[in-house]
Amino acid sequence: MPKFSIASKKRLETCDPRLQEICEEAIKEFDFMVLCGHRDKKEQDEAFQKGNSKLKWPKSKHNSNPSLAVDLAPYPLDWKDIQRFKDLAAVMHKVAKAKNIPIVWGGEWITFKDYPHYELC
């Protein structure tokens, strides 16, 4: 059974307990890593400048503490394999629905596809 690395656990700990709950259940079904939970001002400014976020500090759900958003990627990481991101999203949605925790996946957005991004509604 897959499990989180120490780095992924540390990042996940910065997230809202509901996101932690979903991820802790989803990892039992699908191997993935936690890329980012909470972002401070410096990290958010960098994400915005690189084009990885459309929002400036403190408008992102990553900027709250605990974070209301988490960025995840299938393990092993292959940025070009969008289908694996979609497969992870299916597991995340299934677990969130079973736990009655509404989430939004950035891969479903129309104008800006953010495949690693999940946030609480």
N, C-alpha and C. Protein backbone atom coordinates (compact mmCIF):
# COMPACT_ATOMS: atom_id res chain seq x y z
N MET A 1 0.85 -1.18 0.00
CA MET A 1 0.00 0.00 0.00
C MET A 1 0.89 1.24 0.00
N PRO A 2 0.55 2.22 -0.84
CA PRO A 2 1.34 3.47 -0.86
C PRO A 2 1.26 4.20 0.48
N LYS A 3 2.27 5.01 0.73
CA LYS A 3 2.26 5.85 1.93
C LYS A 3 3.01 7.14 1.63
N PHE A 4 2.75 8.16 2.45
CA PHE A 4 3.38 9.45 2.25
C PHE A 4 4.84 9.45 2.69
N SER A 5 5.65 10.18 1.97
CA SER A 5 7.03 10.42 2.39
C SER A 5 7.01 11.39 3.57
N ILE A 6 8.13 11.55 4.21
CA ILE A 6 8.23 12.50 5.32
C ILE A 6 7.93 13.91 4.82
N ALA A 7 8.45 14.27 3.65
CA ALA A 7 8.21 15.61 3.09
C ALA A 7 6.73 15.82 2.79
N SER A 8 6.08 14.83 2.21
CA SER A 8 4.65 14.96 1.92
C SER A 8 3.84 15.11 3.20
N LYS A 9 4.17 14.33 4.22
CA LYS A 9 3.46 14.43 5.51
C LYS A 9 3.60 15.84 6.09
N LYS A 10 4.81 16.36 6.03
CA LYS A 10 5.07 17.70 6.58
C LYS A 10 4.24 18.76 5.84
N ARG A 11 4.17 18.67 4.52
CA ARG A 11 3.38 19.62 3.74
C ARG A 11 1.88 19.45 4.03
N LEU A 12 1.44 18.20 4.13
CA LEU A 12 0.03 17.94 4.39
C LEU A 12 -0.40 18.47 5.75
N GLU A 13 0.49 18.46 6.71
CA GLU A 13 0.18 18.96 8.06
C GLU A 13 -0.16 20.45 8.06
N THR A 14 0.21 21.18 7.00
CA THR A 14 -0.10 22.61 6.93
C THR A 14 -1.51 22.86 6.39
N CYS A 15 -2.21 21.79 6.04
CA CYS A 15 -3.54 21.90 5.43
C CYS A 15 -4.66 21.73 6.45
N ASP A 16 -5.81 22.22 6.07
CA ASP A 16 -7.03 22.04 6.85
C ASP A 16 -7.22 20.55 7.16
N PRO A 17 -7.69 20.22 8.35
CA PRO A 17 -7.89 18.81 8.71
C PRO A 17 -8.79 18.03 7.73
N ARG A 18 -9.72 18.71 7.08
CA ARG A 18 -10.58 18.02 6.11
C ARG A 18 -9.78 17.57 4.89
N LEU A 19 -8.86 18.40 4.43
CA LEU A 19 -8.00 17.99 3.31
C LEU A 19 -7.07 16.86 3.74
N GLN A 20 -6.57 16.94 4.96
CA GLN A 20 -5.73 15.86 5.48
C GLN A 20 -6.50 14.55 5.51
N GLU A 21 -7.74 14.61 5.95
CA GLU A 21 -8.58 13.42 6.04
C GLU A 21 -8.79 12.78 4.66
N ILE A 22 -9.09 13.60 3.67
CA ILE A 22 -9.30 13.10 2.31
C ILE A 22 -8.01 12.46 1.78
N CYS A 23 -6.90 13.17 1.94
CA CYS A 23 -5.62 12.67 1.42
C CYS A 23 -5.19 11.38 2.12
N GLU A 24 -5.39 11.31 3.43
CA GLU A 24 -4.99 10.11 4.18
C GLU A 24 -5.77 8.88 3.72
N GLU A 25 -6.99 9.07 3.29
CA GLU A 25 -7.78 7.96 2.77
C GLU A 25 -7.41 7.66 1.31
N ALA A 26 -7.21 8.70 0.51
CA ALA A 26 -6.91 8.53 -0.92
C ALA A 26 -5.57 7.82 -1.14
N ILE A 27 -4.59 8.06 -0.26
CA ILE A 27 -3.27 7.44 -0.43
C ILE A 27 -3.35 5.92 -0.33
N LYS A 28 -4.39 5.41 0.29
CA LYS A 28 -4.58 3.96 0.41
C LYS A 28 -4.92 3.33 -0.95
N GLU A 29 -5.42 4.16 -1.88
CA GLU A 29 -5.85 3.67 -3.18
C GLU A 29 -4.96 4.09 -4.34
N PHE A 30 -4.24 5.19 -4.17
CA PHE A 30 -3.49 5.77 -5.29
C PHE A 30 -2.23 6.41 -4.76
N ASP A 31 -1.09 6.12 -5.35
CA ASP A 31 0.17 6.66 -4.87
C ASP A 31 0.37 8.09 -5.41
N PHE A 32 0.53 9.03 -4.50
CA PHE A 32 0.74 10.42 -4.88
C PHE A 32 1.56 11.13 -3.83
N MET A 33 2.05 12.30 -4.20
CA MET A 33 2.84 13.11 -3.27
C MET A 33 2.17 14.47 -3.06
N VAL A 34 2.45 15.05 -1.92
CA VAL A 34 1.95 16.39 -1.60
C VAL A 34 3.03 17.38 -2.00
N LEU A 35 2.69 18.25 -2.95
CA LEU A 35 3.65 19.24 -3.44
C LEU A 35 3.64 20.50 -2.60
N CYS A 36 2.45 20.87 -2.14
CA CYS A 36 2.31 22.16 -1.45
C CYS A 36 1.02 22.20 -0.65
N GLY A 37 1.10 22.75 0.53
CA GLY A 37 -0.07 23.06 1.33
C GLY A 37 -0.10 24.57 1.51
N HIS A 38 0.22 25.01 2.72
CA HIS A 38 0.25 26.45 3.00
C HIS A 38 1.40 27.12 2.25
N ARG A 39 1.12 28.31 1.71
CA ARG A 39 2.16 29.14 1.10
C ARG A 39 2.23 30.47 1.83
N ASP A 40 3.43 30.84 2.24
CA ASP A 40 3.60 32.17 2.83
C ASP A 40 3.70 33.19 1.69
N LYS A 41 3.88 34.45 2.03
CA LYS A 41 3.89 35.52 1.02
C LYS A 41 4.96 35.29 -0.04
N LYS A 42 6.16 34.95 0.40
CA LYS A 42 7.27 34.73 -0.54
C LYS A 42 6.94 33.60 -1.52
N GLU A 43 6.42 32.49 -0.99
CA GLU A 43 6.09 31.34 -1.84
C GLU A 43 4.94 31.65 -2.80
N GLN A 44 3.95 32.42 -2.32
CA GLN A 44 2.83 32.78 -3.19
C GLN A 44 3.29 33.75 -4.29
N ASP A 45 4.12 34.71 -3.92
CA ASP A 45 4.65 35.65 -4.92
C ASP A 45 5.42 34.89 -5.99
N GLU A 46 6.21 33.90 -5.58
CA GLU A 46 6.98 33.10 -6.52
C GLU A 46 6.06 32.27 -7.43
N ALA A 47 5.03 31.66 -6.85
CA ALA A 47 4.08 30.86 -7.65
C ALA A 47 3.37 31.76 -8.67
N PHE A 48 3.03 32.97 -8.26
CA PHE A 48 2.36 33.91 -9.17
C PHE A 48 3.31 34.32 -10.31
N GLN A 49 4.55 34.66 -9.96
CA GLN A 49 5.53 35.10 -10.96
C GLN A 49 5.86 34.01 -11.96
N LYS A 50 5.87 32.75 -11.52
CA LYS A 50 6.16 31.62 -12.41
C LYS A 50 4.95 31.21 -13.25
N GLY A 51 3.78 31.79 -12.94
CA GLY A 51 2.57 31.42 -13.67
C GLY A 51 1.89 30.18 -13.12
N ASN A 52 2.32 29.73 -11.95
CA ASN A 52 1.70 28.56 -11.32
C ASN A 52 0.47 28.90 -10.51
N SER A 53 0.22 30.19 -10.34
CA SER A 53 -0.97 30.66 -9.65
C SER A 53 -1.43 31.94 -10.34
N LYS A 54 -2.73 32.11 -10.40
CA LYS A 54 -3.31 33.33 -10.98
C LYS A 54 -3.61 34.37 -9.90
N LEU A 55 -3.37 34.00 -8.65
CA LEU A 55 -3.73 34.88 -7.53
C LEU A 55 -2.50 35.38 -6.79
N LYS A 56 -2.55 36.65 -6.43
CA LYS A 56 -1.49 37.24 -5.62
C LYS A 56 -1.80 37.03 -4.14
N TRP A 57 -0.76 37.13 -3.32
CA TRP A 57 -0.89 37.08 -1.86
C TRP A 57 -1.86 38.16 -1.42
N PRO A 58 -2.78 37.96 -0.53
CA PRO A 58 -3.14 36.73 0.19
C PRO A 58 -4.43 36.10 -0.35
N LYS A 59 -4.68 36.22 -1.64
CA LYS A 59 -5.97 35.81 -2.23
C LYS A 59 -6.11 34.30 -2.46
N SER A 60 -5.01 33.55 -2.50
CA SER A 60 -5.07 32.11 -2.75
C SER A 60 -5.53 31.36 -1.51
N LYS A 61 -6.24 30.28 -1.72
CA LYS A 61 -6.64 29.44 -0.59
C LYS A 61 -5.42 28.76 0.05
N HIS A 62 -4.30 28.75 -0.65
CA HIS A 62 -3.05 28.25 -0.07
C HIS A 62 -2.53 29.19 1.02
N ASN A 63 -2.98 30.42 1.03
CA ASN A 63 -2.42 31.43 1.93
C ASN A 63 -3.04 31.44 3.31
N SER A 64 -4.17 30.77 3.48
CA SER A 64 -4.75 30.70 4.82
C SER A 64 -3.95 29.68 5.64
N ASN A 65 -4.07 29.80 6.93
CA ASN A 65 -3.34 28.90 7.80
C ASN A 65 -4.29 28.35 8.86
N PRO A 66 -4.71 27.09 8.76
CA PRO A 66 -4.22 26.08 7.83
C PRO A 66 -4.72 26.33 6.40
N SER A 67 -4.01 25.76 5.46
CA SER A 67 -4.32 25.95 4.05
C SER A 67 -5.65 25.31 3.69
N LEU A 68 -6.43 26.02 2.88
CA LEU A 68 -7.69 25.49 2.37
C LEU A 68 -7.50 24.86 1.00
N ALA A 69 -6.24 24.73 0.58
CA ALA A 69 -5.90 24.12 -0.71
C ALA A 69 -4.65 23.26 -0.55
N VAL A 70 -4.55 22.29 -1.45
CA VAL A 70 -3.39 21.41 -1.46
C VAL A 70 -3.06 21.09 -2.91
N ASP A 71 -1.78 20.99 -3.23
CA ASP A 71 -1.33 20.58 -4.55
C ASP A 71 -0.74 19.18 -4.44
N LEU A 72 -1.25 18.29 -5.30
CA LEU A 72 -0.86 16.88 -5.28
C LEU A 72 -0.40 16.45 -6.67
N ALA A 73 0.44 15.44 -6.71
CA ALA A 73 0.87 14.88 -8.00
C ALA A 73 1.02 13.37 -7.87
N PRO A 74 0.63 12.64 -8.91
CA PRO A 74 0.82 11.19 -8.90
C PRO A 74 2.31 10.86 -8.74
N TYR A 75 2.57 9.75 -8.07
CA TYR A 75 3.93 9.28 -7.89
C TYR A 75 4.12 7.99 -8.68
N PRO A 76 5.21 7.87 -9.44
CA PRO A 76 6.24 8.86 -9.69
C PRO A 76 5.73 10.00 -10.58
N LEU A 77 6.33 11.15 -10.41
CA LEU A 77 5.88 12.36 -11.08
C LEU A 77 6.27 12.38 -12.56
N ASP A 78 5.25 12.62 -13.39
CA ASP A 78 5.45 12.83 -14.83
C ASP A 78 4.46 13.92 -15.22
N TRP A 79 4.95 15.14 -15.36
CA TRP A 79 4.08 16.29 -15.64
C TRP A 79 3.32 16.14 -16.95
N LYS A 80 3.81 15.32 -17.87
CA LYS A 80 3.17 15.17 -19.17
C LYS A 80 2.03 14.15 -19.15
N ASP A 81 1.97 13.33 -18.12
CA ASP A 81 0.95 12.28 -18.04
C ASP A 81 -0.31 12.82 -17.35
N ILE A 82 -1.08 13.59 -18.10
CA ILE A 82 -2.29 14.24 -17.56
C ILE A 82 -3.32 13.20 -17.13
N GLN A 83 -3.35 12.06 -17.80
CA GLN A 83 -4.31 11.02 -17.42
C GLN A 83 -4.12 10.56 -15.98
N ARG A 84 -2.87 10.47 -15.52
CA ARG A 84 -2.64 10.08 -14.12
C ARG A 84 -3.14 11.14 -13.15
N PHE A 85 -3.05 12.42 -13.52
CA PHE A 85 -3.63 13.48 -12.70
C PHE A 85 -5.15 13.32 -12.64
N LYS A 86 -5.74 12.96 -13.78
CA LYS A 86 -7.20 12.74 -13.84
C LYS A 86 -7.60 11.53 -13.00
N ASP A 87 -6.78 10.49 -13.04
CA ASP A 87 -7.06 9.30 -12.23
C ASP A 87 -6.99 9.63 -10.73
N LEU A 88 -6.01 10.43 -10.35
CA LEU A 88 -5.90 10.87 -8.96
C LEU A 88 -7.12 11.70 -8.58
N ALA A 89 -7.54 12.57 -9.47
CA ALA A 89 -8.72 13.41 -9.19
C ALA A 89 -9.97 12.56 -8.96
N ALA A 90 -10.11 11.48 -9.72
CA ALA A 90 -11.27 10.59 -9.54
C ALA A 90 -11.27 9.98 -8.14
N VAL A 91 -10.10 9.57 -7.67
CA VAL A 91 -9.99 9.01 -6.32
C VAL A 91 -10.28 10.09 -5.28
N MET A 92 -9.71 11.26 -5.46
CA MET A 92 -9.93 12.36 -4.51
C MET A 92 -11.41 12.73 -4.43
N HIS A 93 -12.07 12.82 -5.58
CA HIS A 93 -13.50 13.14 -5.58
C HIS A 93 -14.32 12.05 -4.90
N LYS A 94 -13.98 10.80 -5.18
CA LYS A 94 -14.71 9.68 -4.57
C LYS A 94 -14.60 9.71 -3.05
N VAL A 95 -13.39 9.90 -2.56
CA VAL A 95 -13.17 9.94 -1.11
C VAL A 95 -13.87 11.16 -0.49
N ALA A 96 -13.73 12.31 -1.13
CA ALA A 96 -14.36 13.53 -0.61
C ALA A 96 -15.88 13.37 -0.55
N LYS A 97 -16.45 12.79 -1.58
CA LYS A 97 -17.91 12.58 -1.60
C LYS A 97 -18.33 11.63 -0.48
N ALA A 98 -17.59 10.55 -0.29
CA ALA A 98 -17.91 9.58 0.76
C ALA A 98 -17.83 10.23 2.15
N LYS A 99 -16.96 11.20 2.30
CA LYS A 99 -16.80 11.89 3.57
C LYS A 99 -17.66 13.15 3.67
N ASN A 100 -18.41 13.43 2.60
CA ASN A 100 -19.27 14.60 2.54
C ASN A 100 -18.48 15.90 2.76
N ILE A 101 -17.32 15.96 2.09
CA ILE A 101 -16.46 17.15 2.14
C ILE A 101 -16.35 17.67 0.71
N PRO A 102 -17.01 18.78 0.39
CA PRO A 102 -16.96 19.29 -0.98
C PRO A 102 -15.59 19.89 -1.34
N ILE A 103 -15.06 19.42 -2.48
CA ILE A 103 -13.80 19.95 -2.98
C ILE A 103 -13.95 20.32 -4.45
N VAL A 104 -13.02 21.14 -4.91
CA VAL A 104 -12.93 21.52 -6.31
C VAL A 104 -11.53 21.14 -6.78
N TRP A 105 -11.46 20.58 -7.98
CA TRP A 105 -10.18 20.21 -8.58
C TRP A 105 -9.85 21.22 -9.67
N GLY A 106 -8.62 21.75 -9.64
CA GLY A 106 -8.18 22.73 -10.62
C GLY A 106 -8.14 22.23 -12.05
N GLY A 107 -8.12 20.94 -12.25
CA GLY A 107 -8.15 20.37 -13.59
C GLY A 107 -9.50 20.53 -14.28
N GLU A 108 -10.51 20.89 -13.51
CA GLU A 108 -11.86 21.10 -14.05
C GLU A 108 -12.13 22.56 -14.41
N TRP A 109 -11.21 23.43 -14.06
CA TRP A 109 -11.41 24.83 -14.37
C TRP A 109 -11.34 25.05 -15.87
N ILE A 110 -12.08 26.02 -16.35
CA ILE A 110 -12.16 26.27 -17.80
C ILE A 110 -10.97 27.08 -18.31
N THR A 111 -10.66 28.20 -17.65
CA THR A 111 -9.66 29.12 -18.20
C THR A 111 -8.23 28.83 -17.77
N PHE A 112 -8.04 28.13 -16.67
CA PHE A 112 -6.69 27.86 -16.16
C PHE A 112 -6.67 26.46 -15.58
N LYS A 113 -6.09 25.53 -16.30
CA LYS A 113 -6.02 24.14 -15.83
C LYS A 113 -4.88 24.02 -14.82
N ASP A 114 -5.23 23.68 -13.60
CA ASP A 114 -4.26 23.52 -12.52
C ASP A 114 -4.39 22.10 -11.99
N TYR A 115 -3.80 21.15 -12.71
CA TYR A 115 -4.00 19.73 -12.43
C TYR A 115 -3.58 19.28 -11.04
N PRO A 116 -2.58 19.86 -10.39
CA PRO A 116 -2.25 19.41 -9.04
C PRO A 116 -3.18 19.97 -7.94
N HIS A 117 -3.98 20.98 -8.24
CA HIS A 117 -4.68 21.77 -7.22
C HIS A 117 -6.03 21.20 -6.80
N TYR A 118 -6.24 21.15 -5.48
CA TYR A 118 -7.53 20.81 -4.87
C TYR A 118 -7.80 21.85 -3.79
N GLU A 119 -9.07 22.25 -3.68
CA GLU A 119 -9.42 23.19 -2.63
C GLU A 119 -10.78 22.88 -2.06
N LEU A 120 -10.97 23.29 -0.83
CA LEU A 120 -12.27 23.15 -0.18
C LEU A 120 -13.23 24.19 -0.73
N CYS A 121 -14.48 23.81 -0.84
CA CYS A 121 -15.51 24.76 -1.33
C CYS A 121 -15.99 25.64 -0.19
